[in-house]
Structures are given as C-alpha cells and as structure tokens.
Amino acid sequence: MAATKHPEHHRLHRSGWLRAAVLGANDGIVSISSLMLGVAASHHSDHLGIVMSGAAALAAGMCAMAAGEYVSVSSQADTERADLRTEARALATNHVEERRELAQIYVERGLDPGLAAEVARQLMEKDALGAHARDELGLTDELAARPFQAALASAASFVAGAIVPLLVAVLAPMELLIWLVAGISLLCLGGLGAVAAKAGGAGQVAGASRVLVWGVVAMAVTTGVGALFGVSG
C-alpha cells in the first residue's frame, strides 16, 4: 500500500522569521519616511539636506536594529545555555528521578504511565539531555537562539524597507517630495502588511490595515512636529 502524502500545510514554522522580517522592513519604511517628512515640513532644509538626513537615519537605524537584536537574542541564548547546564547536572546526579520527570511529562500529554515510562527510557538511552531539552525545556536546534544570524537579518530587513522612501526622496522634485514619500511609503506598508498576512494565513485586508494605520499616525505626528518647529523657527 502506497504511503499517502500529508495534506496539511502549517505556517507556524514561518512565525519567527516572518515576524522579524516584517518588523524590520516596517520599521525601516516608517522611521525613514517619517523623519524625512518631518525635516521637509520644517522648511529648514533643502532637498540635499532631507536626503542626507534620511541616509544618516538609515545607517543609524540599521546599526540600532542589529545591536538590539543581537543583545536580545544573546540574552535568550545565555538563558538557554544556563538551563541546559542545570539539566545536565541534574541528569548526572539523579538520572532515575529525571527519567520519572520526563515520563510524567508524557503522561500529562496523554500517554498511559507504562508507555510513558518506556518512551522516556528509550529516549534517554539515546540522548538524555536532548530529550529533556526538547520535552521539558522546549529547546530544539531549529529554534535555538542565534544572535549573529538574528542581527544580520534584522539589519537587512530594516535596510530593505528604509531604502524605499530614501530612493523616492532622491528622485522626487522638492515640491512633490512630501506627497510622494508619504504616498509610496504607505503603499509599500500596505503591501507589506498584506503579504505578511497571507504568508501567515491571516486576512490580507486586516493585515494591511493594521500596518497602514500606524504608518499614517507616525508620519502625521512627525510631519506635524516638523511643521510646528518650522513655524516657531
């Protein structure tokens, strides 16, 4: 009898990288476009000054995103390593009790006690620390914290988003800069939200709307602040 293919397509494995990519690109678009709109609305800078402010913000934002992600994920990695060391010591000093603990986890997940004890025994014979890391601590190789990878991904996604409003500002005439930067940035934000929602299996309209609302708020606030300082100056 031929084996049947598994018909279900789950999206949970995408949640980590999808969240990081969308967050980085969203931050890049919103922060750079908002900053340039604020500078333009102040009327205290020419076209080159607006572009240079956007370029400087891109560089600063890229470094900030990379550093923040590296520190955050490094802290997570430190915690994971500490938990693994604690578990390794427990296995070395009280192997029998640790096997009972693992068996109890399987009982709580639905196995009968006899089967749970046998599963725990076999898994621990093969890789005791790996079994406890996976089923007691929830740690796997696939989900392990990787600081450098996270930092690079965060920085790259930020730049991918930030480059859009910056290029628009470079190419746009001064009299249309505010409108073009705001319009194209919001269009990209809506598309980003819709794509992310579709990849995650959610409604595209709702996903796009969430991103657009906060993008509009950020741009309106910074433009208002720039205009206020322009009047007061």
C-alpha atoms as a PDB file:
ATOM      1  CA  MET A   1       0.000   0.000   0.000  1.00  0.00           C
ATOM      2  CA  ALA A   2       1.468   3.326  -1.070  1.00  0.00           C
ATOM      3  CA  ALA A   3       2.038   5.903   1.616  1.00  0.00           C
ATOM      4  CA  THR A   4      -0.272   8.900   1.409  1.00  0.00           C
ATOM      5  CA  LYS A   5       1.134  12.402   1.435  1.00  0.00           C
ATOM      6  CA  HIS A   6       0.424  14.629   4.388  1.00  0.00           C
ATOM      7  CA  PRO A   7      -2.205  17.076   3.041  1.00  0.00           C
ATOM      8  CA  GLU A   8      -1.865  19.826   5.646  1.00  0.00           C
ATOM      9  CA  HIS A   9       0.353  22.863   5.205  1.00  0.00           C
ATOM     10  CA  HIS A  10       1.165  24.514   8.503  1.00  0.00           C
ATOM     11  CA  ARG A  11       2.527  28.039   8.816  1.00  0.00           C
ATOM     12  CA  LEU A  12       3.798  28.041  12.393  1.00  0.00           C
ATOM     13  CA  HIS A  13       7.384  27.376  11.281  1.00  0.00           C
ATOM     14  CA  ARG A  14       7.307  30.720   9.495  1.00  0.00           C
ATOM     15  CA  SER A  15       6.323  32.774  12.534  1.00  0.00           C
ATOM     16  CA  GLY A  16       9.849  33.550  13.769  1.00  0.00           C
ATOM     17  CA  TRP A  17      11.500  34.747  10.569  1.00  0.00           C
ATOM     18  CA  LEU A  18       8.277  36.292   9.267  1.00  0.00           C
ATOM     19  CA  ARG A  19       7.851  38.419  12.360  1.00  0.00           C
ATOM     20  CA  ALA A  20      11.488  39.586  12.258  1.00  0.00           C
ATOM     21  CA  ALA A  21      11.417  40.385   8.536  1.00  0.00           C
ATOM     22  CA  VAL A  22       8.121  42.277   8.669  1.00  0.00           C
ATOM     23  CA  LEU A  23       9.114  44.179  11.796  1.00  0.00           C
ATOM     24  CA  GLY A  24      12.460  45.229  10.343  1.00  0.00           C
ATOM     25  CA  ALA A  25      11.068  46.326   6.977  1.00  0.00           C
ATOM     26  CA  ASN A  26       8.136  48.099   8.623  1.00  0.00           C
ATOM     27  CA  ASP A  27      10.487  49.990  10.942  1.00  0.00           C
ATOM     28  CA  GLY A  28      12.674  50.945   8.017  1.00  0.00           C
ATOM     29  CA  ILE A  29       9.829  52.383   5.960  1.00  0.00           C
ATOM     30  CA  VAL A  30       8.073  54.156   8.815  1.00  0.00           C
ATOM     31  CA  SER A  31      11.099  55.635  10.574  1.00  0.00           C
ATOM     32  CA  ILE A  32      12.937  56.914   7.494  1.00  0.00           C
ATOM     33  CA  SER A  33       9.874  58.270   5.717  1.00  0.00           C
ATOM     34  CA  SER A  34       8.585  59.907   8.906  1.00  0.00           C
ATOM     35  CA  LEU A  35      11.923  61.546   9.661  1.00  0.00           C
ATOM     36  CA  MET A  36      12.279  62.954   6.152  1.00  0.00           C
ATOM     37  CA  LEU A  37       8.696  64.207   6.192  1.00  0.00           C
ATOM     38  CA  GLY A  38       9.350  65.978   9.475  1.00  0.00           C
ATOM     39  CA  VAL A  39      12.511  67.594   8.129  1.00  0.00           C
ATOM     40  CA  ALA A  40      10.767  68.621   4.900  1.00  0.00           C
ATOM     41  CA  ALA A  41       7.783  70.067   6.765  1.00  0.00           C
ATOM     42  CA  SER A  42      10.064  72.263   8.893  1.00  0.00           C
ATOM     43  CA  HIS A  43      11.218  74.159   5.763  1.00  0.00           C
ATOM     44  CA  HIS A  44      14.655  74.492   7.354  1.00  0.00           C
ATOM     45  CA  SER A  45      16.430  72.135   4.957  1.00  0.00           C
ATOM     46  CA  ASP A  46      16.883  71.857   1.209  1.00  0.00           C
ATOM     47  CA  HIS A  47      16.476  68.762  -0.927  1.00  0.00           C
ATOM     48  CA  LEU A  48      20.012  67.516  -0.266  1.00  0.00           C
ATOM     49  CA  GLY A  49      19.612  68.071   3.467  1.00  0.00           C
ATOM     50  CA  ILE A  50      16.426  65.992   3.534  1.00  0.00           C
ATOM     51  CA  VAL A  51      18.084  63.156   1.618  1.00  0.00           C
ATOM     52  CA  MET A  52      21.152  63.264   3.848  1.00  0.00           C
ATOM     53  CA  SER A  53      19.006  63.137   6.972  1.00  0.00           C
ATOM     54  CA  GLY A  54      17.304  60.048   5.570  1.00  0.00           C
ATOM     55  CA  ALA A  55      20.631  58.405   4.712  1.00  0.00           C
ATOM     56  CA  ALA A  56      22.015  59.114   8.184  1.00  0.00           C
ATOM     57  CA  ALA A  57      18.859  57.730   9.775  1.00  0.00           C
ATOM     58  CA  LEU A  58      19.130  54.600   7.625  1.00  0.00           C
ATOM     59  CA  ALA A  59      22.689  53.974   8.820  1.00  0.00           C
ATOM     60  CA  ALA A  60      21.779  54.641  12.440  1.00  0.00           C
ATOM     61  CA  GLY A  61      18.643  52.539  12.276  1.00  0.00           C
ATOM     62  CA  MET A  62      20.463  49.625  10.666  1.00  0.00           C
ATOM     63  CA  CYS A  63      23.071  49.603  13.435  1.00  0.00           C
ATOM     64  CA  ALA A  64      20.445  50.035  16.148  1.00  0.00           C
ATOM     65  CA  MET A  65      18.332  47.174  14.822  1.00  0.00           C
ATOM     66  CA  ALA A  66      21.349  44.870  14.561  1.00  0.00           C
ATOM     67  CA  ALA A  67      22.637  45.778  18.016  1.00  0.00           C
ATOM     68  CA  GLY A  68      19.236  45.496  19.663  1.00  0.00           C
ATOM     69  CA  GLU A  69      18.501  42.133  18.087  1.00  0.00           C
ATOM     70  CA  TYR A  70      21.969  40.823  18.923  1.00  0.00           C
ATOM     71  CA  VAL A  71      21.680  41.817  22.588  1.00  0.00           C
ATOM     72  CA  SER A  72      18.155  40.444  22.882  1.00  0.00           C
ATOM     73  CA  VAL A  73      18.900  37.100  21.244  1.00  0.00           C
ATOM     74  CA  SER A  74      22.223  36.798  23.089  1.00  0.00           C
ATOM     75  CA  SER A  75      20.343  37.117  26.380  1.00  0.00           C
ATOM     76  CA  GLN A  76      17.994  34.389  25.211  1.00  0.00           C
ATOM     77  CA  ALA A  77      20.961  32.196  24.240  1.00  0.00           C
ATOM     78  CA  ASP A  78      22.570  32.748  27.645  1.00  0.00           C
ATOM     79  CA  THR A  79      19.366  31.628  29.346  1.00  0.00           C
ATOM     80  CA  GLU A  80      19.142  28.545  27.137  1.00  0.00           C
ATOM     81  CA  ARG A  81      22.743  27.552  27.897  1.00  0.00           C
ATOM     82  CA  ALA A  82      22.217  28.060  31.629  1.00  0.00           C
ATOM     83  CA  ASP A  83      19.093  25.870  31.575  1.00  0.00           C
ATOM     84  CA  LEU A  84      20.955  23.155  29.674  1.00  0.00           C
ATOM     85  CA  ARG A  85      23.801  23.211  32.184  1.00  0.00           C
ATOM     86  CA  THR A  86      21.313  22.891  35.033  1.00  0.00           C
ATOM     87  CA  GLU A  87      19.621  19.974  33.292  1.00  0.00           C
ATOM     88  CA  ALA A  88      22.941  18.264  32.597  1.00  0.00           C
ATOM     89  CA  ARG A  89      23.886  18.461  36.282  1.00  0.00           C
ATOM     90  CA  ALA A  90      20.507  17.027  37.282  1.00  0.00           C
ATOM     91  CA  LEU A  91      20.953  14.133  34.858  1.00  0.00           C
ATOM     92  CA  ALA A  92      24.429  13.432  36.195  1.00  0.00           C
ATOM     93  CA  THR A  93      23.355  13.380  39.842  1.00  0.00           C
ATOM     94  CA  ASN A  94      19.818  11.974  39.699  1.00  0.00           C
ATOM     95  CA  HIS A  95      19.243  10.103  36.462  1.00  0.00           C
ATOM     96  CA  VAL A  96      16.356   7.982  37.758  1.00  0.00           C
ATOM     97  CA  GLU A  97      14.356  10.931  39.044  1.00  0.00           C
ATOM     98  CA  GLU A  98      14.913  12.804  35.780  1.00  0.00           C
ATOM     99  CA  ARG A  99      13.559   9.814  33.856  1.00  0.00           C
ATOM    100  CA  ARG A 100      10.454   9.806  36.075  1.00  0.00           C
ATOM    101  CA  GLU A 101      10.069  13.512  35.448  1.00  0.00           C
ATOM    102  CA  LEU A 102      10.251  13.002  31.677  1.00  0.00           C
ATOM    103  CA  ALA A 103       7.760  10.133  31.852  1.00  0.00           C
ATOM    104  CA  GLN A 104       5.349  12.341  33.802  1.00  0.00           C
ATOM    105  CA  ILE A 105       5.522  14.939  31.054  1.00  0.00           C
ATOM    106  CA  TYR A 106       4.410  12.295  28.540  1.00  0.00           C
ATOM    107  CA  VAL A 107       1.614  11.167  30.867  1.00  0.00           C
ATOM    108  CA  GLU A 108       0.354  14.746  31.021  1.00  0.00           C
ATOM    109  CA  ARG A 109       0.367  14.811  27.228  1.00  0.00           C
ATOM    110  CA  GLY A 110      -1.873  11.739  27.032  1.00  0.00           C
ATOM    111  CA  LEU A 111       0.255   8.579  27.218  1.00  0.00           C
ATOM    112  CA  ASP A 112      -0.573   5.890  29.745  1.00  0.00           C
ATOM    113  CA  PRO A 113       2.034   5.579  32.537  1.00  0.00           C
ATOM    114  CA  GLY A 114       3.568   2.322  31.277  1.00  0.00           C
ATOM    115  CA  LEU A 115       4.064   3.590  27.746  1.00  0.00           C
ATOM    116  CA  ALA A 116       5.280   6.972  29.006  1.00  0.00           C
ATOM    117  CA  ALA A 117       7.930   5.264  31.158  1.00  0.00           C
ATOM    118  CA  GLU A 118       9.109   3.157  28.221  1.00  0.00           C
ATOM    119  CA  VAL A 119       9.271   6.152  25.874  1.00  0.00           C
ATOM    120  CA  ALA A 120      11.246   8.119  28.449  1.00  0.00           C
ATOM    121  CA  ARG A 121      13.639   5.205  28.949  1.00  0.00           C
ATOM    122  CA  GLN A 122      14.324   4.728  25.246  1.00  0.00           C
ATOM    123  CA  LEU A 123      14.750   8.425  24.515  1.00  0.00           C
ATOM    124  CA  MET A 124      17.108   8.924  27.437  1.00  0.00           C
ATOM    125  CA  GLU A 125      19.200   5.933  26.402  1.00  0.00           C
ATOM    126  CA  LYS A 126      19.768   7.587  23.051  1.00  0.00           C
ATOM    127  CA  ASP A 127      20.134  11.244  24.147  1.00  0.00           C
ATOM    128  CA  ALA A 128      19.098  12.080  27.693  1.00  0.00           C
ATOM    129  CA  LEU A 129      19.952  15.786  27.580  1.00  0.00           C
ATOM    130  CA  GLY A 130      18.383  16.208  24.145  1.00  0.00           C
ATOM    131  CA  ALA A 131      15.145  14.574  25.297  1.00  0.00           C
ATOM    132  CA  HIS A 132      14.887  16.828  28.348  1.00  0.00           C
ATOM    133  CA  ALA A 133      15.886  19.921  26.378  1.00  0.00           C
ATOM    134  CA  ARG A 134      13.146  19.259  23.844  1.00  0.00           C
ATOM    135  CA  ASP A 135      10.291  17.993  26.008  1.00  0.00           C
ATOM    136  CA  GLU A 136      10.963  19.639  29.364  1.00  0.00           C
ATOM    137  CA  LEU A 137      12.570  22.943  28.347  1.00  0.00           C
ATOM    138  CA  GLY A 138      11.096  23.324  24.864  1.00  0.00           C
ATOM    139  CA  LEU A 139      14.508  23.799  23.222  1.00  0.00           C
ATOM    140  CA  THR A 140      15.336  22.443  19.764  1.00  0.00           C
ATOM    141  CA  ASP A 141      18.154  23.004  17.294  1.00  0.00           C
ATOM    142  CA  GLU A 142      15.736  24.599  14.828  1.00  0.00           C
ATOM    143  CA  LEU A 143      14.509  27.183  17.354  1.00  0.00           C
ATOM    144  CA  ALA A 144      17.804  27.793  19.127  1.00  0.00           C
ATOM    145  CA  ALA A 145      18.827  31.409  19.600  1.00  0.00           C
ATOM    146  CA  ARG A 146      21.399  32.566  17.013  1.00  0.00           C
ATOM    147  CA  PRO A 147      22.483  36.151  17.820  1.00  0.00           C
ATOM    148  CA  PHE A 148      24.601  36.909  14.733  1.00  0.00           C
ATOM    149  CA  GLN A 149      22.010  35.494  12.353  1.00  0.00           C
ATOM    150  CA  ALA A 150      19.244  37.453  14.059  1.00  0.00           C
ATOM    151  CA  ALA A 151      21.271  40.679  13.989  1.00  0.00           C
ATOM    152  CA  LEU A 152      22.080  40.372  10.286  1.00  0.00           C
ATOM    153  CA  ALA A 153      18.505  39.507   9.365  1.00  0.00           C
ATOM    154  CA  SER A 154      17.128  42.420  11.361  1.00  0.00           C
ATOM    155  CA  ALA A 155      19.589  44.895   9.860  1.00  0.00           C
ATOM    156  CA  ALA A 156      18.995  43.626   6.319  1.00  0.00           C
ATOM    157  CA  SER A 157      15.213  43.811   6.595  1.00  0.00           C
ATOM    158  CA  PHE A 158      15.449  47.345   8.025  1.00  0.00           C
ATOM    159  CA  VAL A 159      17.597  48.490   5.099  1.00  0.00           C
ATOM    160  CA  ALA A 160      15.253  46.804   2.603  1.00  0.00           C
ATOM    161  CA  GLY A 161      12.382  48.845   3.984  1.00  0.00           C
ATOM    162  CA  ALA A 162      14.273  52.096   4.554  1.00  0.00           C
ATOM    163  CA  ILE A 163      15.737  52.233   1.061  1.00  0.00           C
ATOM    164  CA  VAL A 164      12.271  52.733  -0.450  1.00  0.00           C
ATOM    165  CA  PRO A 165      11.429  56.195   0.969  1.00  0.00           C
ATOM    166  CA  LEU A 166      15.070  57.240   0.660  1.00  0.00           C
ATOM    167  CA  LEU A 167      15.145  56.483  -3.074  1.00  0.00           C
ATOM    168  CA  VAL A 168      11.826  58.264  -3.528  1.00  0.00           C
ATOM    169  CA  ALA A 169      13.257  61.338  -1.805  1.00  0.00           C
ATOM    170  CA  VAL A 170      16.342  61.231  -4.027  1.00  0.00           C
ATOM    171  CA  LEU A 171      14.275  61.109  -7.218  1.00  0.00           C
ATOM    172  CA  ALA A 172      11.314  63.302  -6.235  1.00  0.00           C
ATOM    173  CA  PRO A 173      11.242  67.034  -7.021  1.00  0.00           C
ATOM    174  CA  MET A 174      11.232  69.182  -3.888  1.00  0.00           C
ATOM    175  CA  GLU A 175       7.701  70.458  -4.408  1.00  0.00           C
ATOM    176  CA  LEU A 176       6.302  66.906  -4.513  1.00  0.00           C
ATOM    177  CA  LEU A 177       8.676  65.253  -2.051  1.00  0.00           C
ATOM    178  CA  ILE A 178       6.323  65.128   0.930  1.00  0.00           C
ATOM    179  CA  TRP A 179       3.435  63.724  -1.095  1.00  0.00           C
ATOM    180  CA  LEU A 180       5.499  61.151  -2.982  1.00  0.00           C
ATOM    181  CA  VAL A 181       7.421  59.921   0.058  1.00  0.00           C
ATOM    182  CA  ALA A 182       4.243  59.613   2.113  1.00  0.00           C
ATOM    183  CA  GLY A 183       2.161  58.039  -0.654  1.00  0.00           C
ATOM    184  CA  ILE A 184       4.680  55.472  -1.868  1.00  0.00           C
ATOM    185  CA  SER A 185       5.721  54.597   1.696  1.00  0.00           C
ATOM    186  CA  LEU A 186       2.116  53.964   2.692  1.00  0.00           C
ATOM    187  CA  LEU A 187       1.575  51.914  -0.460  1.00  0.00           C
ATOM    188  CA  CYS A 188       4.582  49.765   0.418  1.00  0.00           C
ATOM    189  CA  LEU A 189       3.431  49.428   4.020  1.00  0.00           C
ATOM    190  CA  GLY A 190       0.023  48.229   2.888  1.00  0.00           C
ATOM    191  CA  GLY A 191       1.593  45.720   0.525  1.00  0.00           C
ATOM    192  CA  LEU A 192       3.971  44.519   3.229  1.00  0.00           C
ATOM    193  CA  GLY A 193       1.111  44.015   5.657  1.00  0.00           C
ATOM    194  CA  ALA A 194      -0.937  42.122   3.093  1.00  0.00           C
ATOM    195  CA  VAL A 195       1.945  39.843   2.070  1.00  0.00           C
ATOM    196  CA  ALA A 196       2.813  39.104   5.698  1.00  0.00           C
ATOM    197  CA  ALA A 197      -0.822  38.325   6.487  1.00  0.00           C
ATOM    198  CA  LYS A 198      -1.132  36.000   3.511  1.00  0.00           C
ATOM    199  CA  ALA A 199       2.090  34.173   4.406  1.00  0.00           C
ATOM    200  CA  GLY A 200       0.817  33.747   7.947  1.00  0.00           C
ATOM    201  CA  GLY A 201      -2.629  32.584   6.861  1.00  0.00           C
ATOM    202  CA  ALA A 202      -4.461  35.694   8.128  1.00  0.00           C
ATOM    203  CA  GLY A 203      -6.767  38.138   6.345  1.00  0.00           C
ATOM    204  CA  GLN A 204      -4.874  40.416   3.974  1.00  0.00           C
ATOM    205  CA  VAL A 205      -7.172  43.419   4.433  1.00  0.00           C
ATOM    206  CA  ALA A 206      -6.831  43.302   8.214  1.00  0.00           C
ATOM    207  CA  GLY A 207      -3.057  42.832   7.968  1.00  0.00           C
ATOM    208  CA  ALA A 208      -2.643  45.769   5.604  1.00  0.00           C
ATOM    209  CA  SER A 209      -4.973  47.974   7.647  1.00  0.00           C
ATOM    210  CA  ARG A 210      -3.029  47.457  10.870  1.00  0.00           C
ATOM    211  CA  VAL A 211       0.235  48.495   9.252  1.00  0.00           C
ATOM    212  CA  LEU A 212      -1.306  51.443   7.409  1.00  0.00           C
ATOM    213  CA  VAL A 213      -2.993  52.926  10.465  1.00  0.00           C
ATOM    214  CA  TRP A 214       0.214  53.077  12.466  1.00  0.00           C
ATOM    215  CA  GLY A 215       2.181  54.285   9.460  1.00  0.00           C
ATOM    216  CA  VAL A 216      -0.228  57.171   8.969  1.00  0.00           C
ATOM    217  CA  VAL A 217      -0.061  58.045  12.659  1.00  0.00           C
ATOM    218  CA  ALA A 218       3.758  58.081  12.692  1.00  0.00           C
ATOM    219  CA  MET A 219       4.004  60.178   9.533  1.00  0.00           C
ATOM    220  CA  ALA A 220       1.325  62.619  10.671  1.00  0.00           C
ATOM    221  CA  VAL A 221       2.952  63.139  14.069  1.00  0.00           C
ATOM    222  CA  THR A 222       6.461  63.740  12.711  1.00  0.00           C
ATOM    223  CA  THR A 223       5.186  65.973   9.902  1.00  0.00           C
ATOM    224  CA  GLY A 224       3.189  67.975  12.446  1.00  0.00           C
ATOM    225  CA  VAL A 225       6.210  68.320  14.724  1.00  0.00           C
ATOM    226  CA  GLY A 226       8.358  69.448  11.784  1.00  0.00           C
ATOM    227  CA  ALA A 227       5.781  71.988  10.691  1.00  0.00           C
ATOM    228  CA  LEU A 228       5.468  73.290  14.263  1.00  0.00           C
ATOM    229  CA  PHE A 229       9.192  73.815  14.578  1.00  0.00           C
ATOM    230  CA  GLY A 230       9.230  75.403  11.151  1.00  0.00           C
ATOM    231  CA  VAL A 231       6.622  77.959  12.217  1.00  0.00           C
ATOM    232  CA  SER A 232       8.285  78.604  15.583  1.00  0.00           C
ATOM    233  CA  GLY A 233      11.679  78.978  13.919  1.00  0.00           C
END
